[in-house]
Amino acid sequence: MARARTKTSAAVPSAGDRRGDSAPERWLANIRISGFTFIVLALLVLGVVVLAPSLKLLIEQRQQIAALQKSVHSQEGDVSKLKDQVARWDDPAYIVSQARNRLLFVYPGEYSYLVIEKDGGTKSTDSTPISDKIQDTKVDWVSSLTGSLLTSGLSKAPVSKLQSPSSSGTPGSK
């Protein structure tokens, strides 16, 4: 005897029979989350959380290594230039030329001429005039120093009220 279909099974269409749904809706309806799927997703998230700091540290260390390699490369260039300079000083002709140019050395029997400007001297970059006379200081620096030390150490006055010692050299005189 053949069994008749029940109304409940005929009334509920299966996921593939829904004709009004779009393709993404049918796809989402067919997804079944099992315990295994949940465990795999949890392990993936845990792996990312555990490995992210180590990966960040690895990337930072690689950047530091690259920067250090770049500085080593530039310093190797400097070393090669310095070695070239040292090799130059091994040549006697170079030493003679440097002594003649820098120290104004001459061989016996040669004459050295220095060209001096028309005004009789070299020009100073400083604007203060040069004096022919020796100048004396008007302040005794020893008594001024001791007066300053005594005033700063023994005074009860605030800093804004303190004055420097006078020209006579006696502490406390005004």
Protein backbone atom coordinates (compact mmCIF):
# COMPACT_ATOMS: atom_id res chain seq x y z
CA MET A 1 0.00 0.00 0.00
CA ALA A 2 1.24 3.31 -0.94
CA ARG A 3 1.31 5.94 1.61
CA ALA A 4 -0.09 9.28 0.88
CA ARG A 5 1.95 12.36 1.28
CA THR A 6 1.25 14.44 4.26
CA LYS A 7 0.27 18.00 3.96
CA THR A 8 3.13 19.29 6.05
CA SER A 9 5.88 17.99 3.79
CA ALA A 10 4.14 19.25 0.68
CA ALA A 11 3.47 22.66 2.19
CA VAL A 12 7.12 23.42 3.00
CA PRO A 13 9.19 23.79 -0.15
CA SER A 14 12.84 22.75 0.04
CA ALA A 15 15.67 25.29 -0.33
CA GLY A 16 16.14 24.47 -3.99
CA ASP A 17 12.43 24.77 -4.78
CA ARG A 18 12.13 28.41 -3.76
CA ARG A 19 11.76 30.25 -7.00
CA GLY A 20 11.17 33.73 -5.62
CA ASP A 21 14.54 33.88 -3.82
CA SER A 22 17.68 35.27 -5.39
CA ALA A 23 20.89 33.28 -5.75
CA PRO A 24 22.64 34.76 -2.66
CA GLU A 25 19.59 34.12 -0.53
CA ARG A 26 19.45 30.50 -1.67
CA TRP A 27 23.17 30.13 -1.00
CA LEU A 28 22.84 31.54 2.54
CA ALA A 29 19.89 29.26 3.21
CA ASN A 30 21.99 26.19 2.30
CA ILE A 31 24.82 27.04 4.74
CA ARG A 32 24.85 24.79 7.74
CA ILE A 33 27.21 25.61 10.62
CA SER A 34 28.43 22.44 12.22
CA GLY A 35 30.57 22.03 15.31
CA PHE A 36 33.63 21.27 13.17
CA THR A 37 33.19 24.52 11.21
CA PHE A 38 32.91 26.48 14.42
CA ILE A 39 36.09 24.89 15.85
CA VAL A 40 38.06 25.61 12.65
CA LEU A 41 36.95 29.25 12.67
CA ALA A 42 37.87 29.59 16.35
CA LEU A 43 41.32 28.09 15.69
CA LEU A 44 41.87 30.52 12.80
CA VAL A 45 40.96 33.52 14.97
CA LEU A 46 43.17 32.22 17.80
CA GLY A 47 46.07 31.73 15.38
CA VAL A 48 45.76 35.31 14.11
CA VAL A 49 45.64 36.68 17.66
CA VAL A 50 48.68 34.66 18.72
CA LEU A 51 50.80 35.30 15.61
CA ALA A 52 50.01 39.00 15.02
CA PRO A 53 52.45 40.43 17.65
CA SER A 54 55.24 38.11 16.48
CA LEU A 55 54.61 39.11 12.88
CA LYS A 56 54.70 42.79 13.81
CA LEU A 57 57.99 42.26 15.66
CA LEU A 58 59.42 40.41 12.66
CA ILE A 59 58.52 43.26 10.30
CA GLU A 60 60.03 45.88 12.65
CA GLN A 61 63.24 43.88 12.96
CA ARG A 62 63.48 43.53 9.18
CA GLN A 63 63.15 47.31 8.84
CA GLN A 64 65.88 47.85 11.44
CA ILE A 65 68.14 45.37 9.67
CA ALA A 66 67.60 47.17 6.37
CA ALA A 67 68.43 50.55 7.97
CA LEU A 68 71.57 49.13 9.59
CA GLN A 69 72.70 47.56 6.33
CA LYS A 70 72.25 50.93 4.61
CA SER A 71 74.36 52.69 7.27
CA VAL A 72 77.03 49.98 7.03
CA HIS A 73 77.15 50.45 3.27
CA SER A 74 77.62 54.22 3.60
CA GLN A 75 80.30 53.74 6.26
CA GLU A 76 82.14 51.30 3.99
CA GLY A 77 82.25 54.08 1.40
CA ASP A 78 83.73 56.43 4.02
CA VAL A 79 86.33 53.80 4.96
CA SER A 80 87.38 53.41 1.34
CA LYS A 81 87.80 57.20 1.01
CA LEU A 82 89.93 57.29 4.17
CA LYS A 83 92.06 54.40 2.91
CA ASP A 84 92.65 56.35 -0.29
CA GLN A 85 93.80 59.35 1.78
CA VAL A 86 96.17 57.19 3.82
CA ALA A 87 97.57 55.69 0.60
CA ARG A 88 98.16 59.22 -0.71
CA TRP A 89 100.27 60.05 2.34
CA ASP A 90 102.55 57.11 1.49
CA ASP A 91 103.63 58.95 -1.65
CA PRO A 92 106.68 61.20 -0.94
CA ALA A 93 105.70 63.67 -3.68
CA TYR A 94 102.31 64.24 -1.99
CA ILE A 95 104.00 64.84 1.37
CA VAL A 96 106.34 67.40 -0.20
CA SER A 97 103.48 69.21 -1.92
CA GLN A 98 101.46 69.36 1.32
CA ALA A 99 104.47 70.68 3.27
CA ARG A 100 105.07 73.36 0.65
CA ASN A 101 101.41 74.44 0.51
CA ARG A 102 100.34 74.16 4.12
CA LEU A 103 103.53 74.93 6.02
CA LEU A 104 105.21 77.14 3.42
CA PHE A 105 108.35 75.00 3.40
CA VAL A 106 110.95 75.56 0.66
CA TYR A 107 114.04 73.71 -0.45
CA PRO A 108 117.43 75.22 0.37
CA GLY A 109 118.27 77.84 -2.21
CA GLU A 110 114.63 78.59 -3.07
CA TYR A 111 112.90 81.84 -2.18
CA SER A 112 109.39 82.06 -0.83
CA TYR A 113 107.31 85.12 -1.57
CA LEU A 114 104.18 86.09 0.35
CA VAL A 115 101.83 88.56 -1.27
CA ILE A 116 100.35 91.00 1.23
CA GLU A 117 97.40 93.22 0.44
CA LYS A 118 97.87 96.89 -0.44
CA ASP A 119 96.55 98.21 2.91
CA GLY A 120 99.36 96.46 4.76
CA GLY A 121 97.51 93.68 6.56
CA THR A 122 94.84 91.11 6.38
CA LYS A 123 91.25 92.06 6.78
CA SER A 124 89.55 91.00 9.95
CA THR A 125 86.05 89.57 9.86
CA ASP A 126 85.49 91.02 13.31
CA SER A 127 84.38 94.66 13.43
CA THR A 128 86.19 95.51 16.69
CA PRO A 129 89.22 97.78 16.17
CA ILE A 130 92.67 96.48 17.03
CA SER A 131 94.63 98.61 19.48
CA ASP A 132 98.40 99.19 19.64
CA LYS A 133 98.34 99.68 23.40
CA ILE A 134 97.97 97.16 26.20
CA GLN A 135 94.85 97.75 28.19
CA ASP A 136 94.60 97.34 31.96
CA THR A 137 91.45 96.13 33.63
CA LYS A 138 89.90 98.50 36.12
CA VAL A 139 88.44 95.76 38.31
CA ASP A 140 90.42 93.45 40.58
CA TRP A 141 88.99 90.14 39.45
CA VAL A 142 90.11 88.18 42.54
CA SER A 143 88.29 90.40 45.02
CA SER A 144 85.33 90.62 42.65
CA LEU A 145 85.10 86.81 42.53
CA THR A 146 85.39 86.34 46.29
CA GLY A 147 82.89 89.14 46.90
CA SER A 148 80.44 87.49 44.52
CA LEU A 149 80.82 84.14 46.25
CA LEU A 150 80.38 85.62 49.71
CA THR A 151 77.37 87.67 48.64
CA SER A 152 75.63 84.72 47.04
CA GLY A 153 76.38 82.35 49.91
CA LEU A 154 75.69 84.54 52.93
CA SER A 155 72.91 86.85 51.77
CA LYS A 156 69.32 86.45 52.92
CA ALA A 157 67.98 88.74 50.17
CA PRO A 158 66.06 87.26 47.23
CA VAL A 159 67.93 86.73 43.99
CA SER A 160 66.20 89.63 42.23
CA LYS A 161 67.54 92.09 44.88
CA LEU A 162 71.19 90.99 44.72
CA GLN A 163 73.68 93.20 42.85
CA SER A 164 77.12 92.49 41.51
CA PRO A 165 80.10 93.65 43.59
CA SER A 166 81.33 97.18 42.96
CA SER A 167 84.45 98.17 41.01
CA SER A 168 86.42 98.89 44.16
CA GLY A 169 86.62 95.20 45.01
CA THR A 170 85.18 95.35 48.52
CA PRO A 171 82.20 93.08 49.03
CA GLY A 172 79.01 94.73 50.07
CA SER A 173 80.04 98.30 49.19
CA LYS A 174 77.71 100.16 46.88
